[in-house]
Protein backbone atom coordinates (compact mmCIF):
# COMPACT_ATOMS: atom_id res chain seq x y z
CA MET A 1 0.00 0.00 0.00
CA LYS A 2 2.89 2.37 0.65
CA ARG A 3 3.84 2.35 -3.02
CA ILE A 4 0.50 3.65 -4.28
CA PRO A 5 1.16 7.36 -3.53
CA HIS A 6 4.56 7.05 -5.19
CA LEU A 7 3.05 5.44 -8.28
CA PHE A 8 0.22 7.98 -8.35
CA PHE A 9 2.74 10.84 -8.22
CA PHE A 10 4.63 9.52 -11.20
CA VAL A 11 1.44 9.00 -13.20
CA LEU A 12 0.38 12.55 -12.40
CA LEU A 13 3.82 13.85 -13.28
CA ALA A 14 3.74 11.99 -16.58
CA LEU A 15 0.43 13.59 -17.49
CA CYS A 16 1.80 17.03 -16.63
CA LEU A 17 4.89 16.48 -18.73
CA ILE A 18 2.82 15.28 -21.65
CA SER A 19 0.79 18.46 -21.54
CA ARG A 20 3.89 20.57 -21.96
CA ALA A 21 4.51 19.53 -25.57
CA SER A 22 4.58 22.55 -27.86
CA ALA A 23 5.14 23.31 -31.50
CA ASP A 24 8.91 23.69 -31.11
CA GLU A 25 9.49 20.51 -29.10
CA LEU A 26 9.15 16.78 -29.43
CA SER A 27 6.13 15.41 -27.59
CA TYR A 28 7.19 13.86 -24.31
CA PRO A 29 5.46 10.51 -24.98
CA GLU A 30 7.53 10.19 -28.15
CA ILE A 31 10.72 11.06 -26.26
CA LEU A 32 9.88 8.52 -23.56
CA ILE A 33 9.20 5.71 -26.02
CA ASP A 34 12.41 6.46 -27.91
CA ASP A 35 14.35 6.50 -24.64
CA VAL A 36 13.11 3.04 -23.67
CA LYS A 37 13.94 1.64 -27.11
CA HIS A 38 17.37 3.29 -27.13
CA VAL A 39 18.44 2.03 -23.71
CA VAL A 40 16.97 -1.48 -23.94
CA THR A 41 18.54 -2.12 -27.35
CA ALA A 42 21.86 -0.41 -26.52
CA PRO A 43 23.91 -3.65 -26.18
CA ALA A 44 23.14 -4.48 -29.81
CA ARG A 45 25.00 -1.29 -30.81
CA TRP A 46 27.99 -1.65 -28.49
CA ASP A 47 31.44 -1.79 -30.01
CA GLU A 48 34.54 -3.45 -28.61
CA THR A 49 35.24 -0.54 -26.25
CA ASP A 50 31.72 -0.64 -24.83
CA TRP A 51 31.89 -4.38 -24.18
CA ARG A 52 35.29 -3.97 -22.55
CA SER A 53 33.88 -1.30 -20.26
CA ALA A 54 30.94 -3.57 -19.41
CA GLY A 55 33.40 -6.32 -18.59
CA TRP A 56 35.39 -4.10 -16.23
CA ALA A 57 32.18 -2.94 -14.56
CA SER A 58 31.08 -6.54 -14.05
CA LEU A 59 34.51 -7.38 -12.65
CA ALA A 60 34.20 -4.50 -10.20
CA VAL A 61 30.84 -5.82 -8.97
CA VAL A 62 32.18 -9.38 -8.63
CA GLY A 63 35.30 -8.13 -6.86
CA THR A 64 33.19 -6.14 -4.42
CA ALA A 65 31.04 -9.19 -3.77
CA LEU A 66 34.05 -11.41 -3.08
CA ILE A 67 36.13 -9.00 -1.01
CA ILE A 68 33.84 -6.43 0.61
CA ASP A 69 30.29 -7.80 0.93
CA ARG A 70 30.66 -10.09 3.95
CA PRO A 71 33.06 -8.04 6.13
CA LEU A 72 31.21 -4.77 5.51
CA SER A 73 27.84 -6.38 6.18
CA ASP A 74 29.17 -7.85 9.45
CA GLU A 75 30.59 -4.48 10.48
CA MET A 76 27.33 -2.69 9.71
CA ARG A 77 25.41 -5.30 11.69
CA ARG A 78 27.56 -4.60 14.74
CA HIS A 79 26.99 -0.83 14.50
CA SER A 80 23.53 -0.74 12.99
CA GLY A 81 20.99 1.34 14.87
CA ASN A 82 18.48 4.12 14.50
CA ASN A 83 20.59 6.74 12.73
CA SER A 84 18.11 9.49 11.87
CA PHE A 85 20.39 11.12 9.28
CA LEU A 86 20.85 7.91 7.27
CA THR A 87 17.15 7.13 7.62
CA GLN A 88 16.24 10.47 6.06
CA VAL A 89 18.88 10.46 3.32
CA GLU A 90 17.89 6.90 2.37
CA ARG A 91 14.54 8.25 1.20
CA PHE A 92 16.23 10.07 -1.68
CA GLY A 93 16.33 6.62 -3.26
CA LYS A 94 12.52 6.42 -3.48
CA PRO A 95 9.91 8.93 -2.18
CA TYR A 96 12.20 11.98 -2.00
CA ALA A 97 13.44 11.30 -5.53
CA ALA A 98 9.88 11.75 -6.78
CA GLY A 99 9.70 15.04 -4.91
CA VAL A 100 12.96 16.25 -6.47
CA VAL A 101 11.71 15.43 -9.97
CA GLY A 102 8.42 17.18 -9.19
CA GLY A 103 10.33 20.19 -7.92
CA PHE A 104 12.28 20.52 -11.14
CA TYR A 105 9.04 20.25 -13.10
CA LEU A 106 7.34 22.98 -11.06
CA VAL A 107 10.32 25.33 -11.43
CA GLY A 108 10.38 24.66 -15.16
CA ALA A 109 6.66 25.26 -15.51
CA LEU A 110 6.36 28.33 -13.28
CA ALA A 111 9.61 30.04 -14.25
CA ASP A 112 9.64 28.88 -17.88
CA ASP A 113 13.03 27.29 -17.16
CA LYS A 114 13.78 24.98 -20.07
CA THR A 115 16.72 23.27 -18.40
CA SER A 116 14.73 22.49 -15.27
CA MET A 117 11.88 21.08 -17.37
CA GLN A 118 14.31 18.88 -19.30
CA VAL A 119 15.82 17.61 -16.04
CA ALA A 120 12.33 16.56 -14.91
CA GLN A 121 11.62 14.84 -18.22
CA ASP A 122 14.97 13.05 -18.42
CA ALA A 123 14.90 12.05 -14.75
CA PHE A 124 11.43 10.56 -15.15
CA ALA A 125 12.53 8.59 -18.22
CA ALA A 126 15.76 7.41 -16.57
CA SER A 127 13.86 6.37 -13.45
CA LEU A 128 11.26 4.48 -15.47
CA ILE A 129 13.90 2.60 -17.45
CA ALA A 130 16.50 1.96 -14.74
CA SER A 131 14.27 1.44 -11.70
CA GLY A 132 11.18 0.18 -13.51
CA ILE A 133 12.66 -2.12 -16.14
CA VAL A 134 16.38 -2.92 -15.89
CA THR A 135 16.87 -3.36 -12.15
CA PRO A 136 13.63 -5.35 -11.52
CA ALA A 137 14.54 -7.70 -14.38
CA ILE A 138 17.98 -8.37 -12.89
CA LYS A 139 16.48 -8.76 -9.41
CA LEU A 140 14.17 -11.47 -10.69
CA VAL A 141 16.99 -13.32 -12.45
CA ALA A 142 19.41 -13.02 -9.50
CA GLY A 143 17.06 -13.82 -6.62
CA ARG A 144 19.69 -12.85 -4.03
CA SER A 145 18.75 -12.85 -0.35
CA ARG A 146 19.16 -9.66 1.67
CA PRO A 147 21.67 -9.30 4.53
CA ARG A 148 18.83 -9.12 7.06
CA ASP A 149 17.76 -12.63 5.97
CA ASN A 150 20.99 -14.04 7.48
CA ALA A 151 21.33 -16.47 4.57
CA GLY A 152 24.80 -15.31 3.55
CA ALA A 153 26.16 -13.15 0.76
CA SER A 154 26.23 -16.00 -1.73
CA ASN A 155 22.62 -17.15 -1.40
CA PHE A 156 21.00 -16.84 -4.84
CA LYS A 157 17.66 -18.35 -5.88
CA PRO A 158 17.04 -17.26 -9.49
CA PHE A 159 13.48 -16.36 -10.49
CA SER A 160 12.24 -16.64 -6.90
CA ASN A 161 11.75 -13.00 -5.89
CA ILE A 162 11.31 -9.86 -8.00
CA ASN A 163 12.24 -7.78 -4.95
CA SER A 164 15.51 -9.53 -4.20
CA SER A 165 18.69 -7.83 -3.01
CA PHE A 166 20.72 -7.58 -6.23
CA PRO A 167 20.94 -4.87 -7.46
CA SER A 168 19.84 -2.08 -5.13
CA GLY A 169 16.73 -0.30 -6.39
CA HIS A 170 17.32 2.68 -4.10
CA ALA A 171 20.87 3.11 -5.43
CA THR A 172 19.64 2.74 -9.00
CA GLU A 173 17.05 5.48 -8.48
CA ALA A 174 19.41 7.81 -6.62
CA PHE A 175 22.24 7.56 -9.15
CA ALA A 176 19.90 7.84 -12.15
CA LEU A 177 18.62 11.12 -10.73
CA ALA A 178 22.11 12.31 -9.76
CA SER A 179 23.54 11.62 -13.22
CA VAL A 180 20.68 13.43 -14.98
CA ILE A 181 21.01 16.52 -12.78
CA SER A 182 24.79 16.52 -13.06
CA ASP A 183 24.76 16.23 -16.85
CA HIS A 184 22.36 19.17 -17.22
CA TYR A 185 24.39 21.56 -15.06
CA ASP A 186 28.09 22.34 -15.46
CA GLN A 187 28.69 23.55 -11.90
CA THR A 188 31.06 21.35 -9.93
CA TRP A 189 29.07 21.79 -6.72
CA VAL A 190 25.96 20.40 -8.40
CA THR A 191 27.82 17.27 -9.49
CA CYS A 192 29.46 16.79 -6.09
CA THR A 193 26.20 17.32 -4.21
CA SER A 194 24.15 15.05 -6.47
CA TYR A 195 26.54 12.11 -6.37
CA SER A 196 27.32 12.57 -2.66
CA ILE A 197 23.64 12.25 -1.78
CA ALA A 198 23.32 9.22 -4.07
CA GLY A 199 26.34 7.64 -2.40
CA LEU A 200 24.85 8.23 1.04
CA VAL A 201 21.65 6.52 -0.11
CA GLY A 202 23.71 3.44 -0.97
CA LEU A 203 25.54 3.60 2.36
CA ALA A 204 22.22 3.87 4.21
CA ARG A 205 20.91 0.74 2.48
CA ILE A 206 23.98 -1.20 3.62
CA TYR A 207 23.71 0.27 7.12
CA HIS A 208 20.08 -0.84 7.40
CA GLN A 209 20.96 -4.40 6.31
CA ALA A 210 18.86 -4.04 3.16
CA HIS A 211 21.72 -4.62 0.70
CA PHE A 212 25.26 -5.87 0.32
CA ALA A 213 27.93 -3.51 -1.02
CA SER A 214 27.93 -5.19 -4.45
CA ASP A 215 24.16 -4.62 -4.71
CA VAL A 216 24.75 -0.90 -4.25
CA VAL A 217 27.69 -0.80 -6.69
CA ALA A 218 25.62 -2.55 -9.36
CA GLY A 219 22.64 -0.25 -8.78
CA ALA A 220 24.86 2.82 -8.94
CA MET A 221 26.36 1.69 -12.25
CA ILE A 222 22.95 0.95 -13.77
CA GLY A 223 21.45 4.25 -12.65
CA THR A 224 24.43 6.30 -13.82
CA LEU A 225 24.69 4.56 -17.19
CA VAL A 226 20.97 4.89 -17.92
CA GLY A 227 20.81 8.49 -16.70
CA LYS A 228 23.74 9.62 -18.83
CA SER A 229 22.47 7.70 -21.84
CA VAL A 230 19.01 9.28 -21.58
CA VAL A 231 20.39 12.83 -21.28
CA SER A 232 22.72 12.39 -24.24
CA TYR A 233 20.09 10.77 -26.44
CA ASN A 234 17.36 13.26 -25.57
CA SER A 235 19.67 16.15 -26.36
CA ASP A 236 19.84 14.85 -29.93
CA LEU A 237 16.09 14.18 -30.06
CA ARG A 238 15.18 17.68 -28.94
CA SER A 239 17.38 19.27 -31.58
CA GLY A 240 14.98 17.85 -34.22
CA LYS A 241 12.26 20.35 -33.21
CA VAL A 242 9.39 17.99 -34.00
CA ALA A 243 6.16 17.67 -32.02
CA LEU A 244 3.06 15.47 -31.98
CA LEU A 245 0.08 17.58 -30.90
CA PRO A 246 -3.54 16.61 -30.21
CA ASP A 247 -5.95 17.81 -32.86
CA VAL A 248 -9.65 17.90 -31.97
CA GLY A 249 -12.25 18.88 -34.51
CA ARG A 250 -15.94 18.27 -35.17
CA GLY A 251 -16.34 14.51 -35.06
CA LEU A 252 -12.60 14.00 -35.27
CA ILE A 253 -9.89 13.31 -32.70
CA GLY A 254 -6.33 12.76 -33.87
CA LEU A 255 -2.75 14.00 -33.91
CA ARG A 256 -1.04 16.58 -36.04
CA ILE A 257 2.68 16.97 -36.64
CA ALA A 258 4.27 20.34 -36.09
CA GLY A 259 7.90 21.32 -36.26
CA ALA A 260 10.65 23.66 -37.34
CA PHE A 261 12.92 22.45 -40.12
């Protein structure tokens, strides 16, 4: 039941973003669909360098799992408690993230701030893809138990639980949002603040025995990769200046194409 308000917020936000399409922009539904296609099919377009990078990233996750997961989890268990700061910052991985996206949308709408509006659009798309498609799919395949289950760091039961430990959904969400914000603003303090908060979200999840370190590392990589990919791809899409607009007439409901060429 706790997820309903979160889902409702994103549905409402999506409707608001859709309504912002104008004659000099792509419609947001079209951008969103293209984003999903672009990210999901990305491996088919990877070259040797991309696959090498993916290999190093996978090695980093495996190395973390082998070397850090168990000792860090044991250490966190010994010191785990009711840390109010970590409890609050952890929420930037789920409910607060929705509020941040909504805040960027409101600023963009009220102040006619194009960059802020694009942050909201890209963050919503990145969140949908990373936290709504990629991470849940891997969770289902991995079926890893959480530290609080006391089943060990190597307990995997594939296709047993869509809400399993690997990778961290909170970290995915936090880093997707951080990468989108960072890529839209050149200021160093924005980048440092965004990624610092995302990193604290991951630390909080480990502290609360919700995830192993490798879960957080994997989630951070997924969120960052998807976020950066969405921002880069949407930048090219928006330069096309094409829009799909609703067209309502007597006895006719349809779409018309408008654009600047």
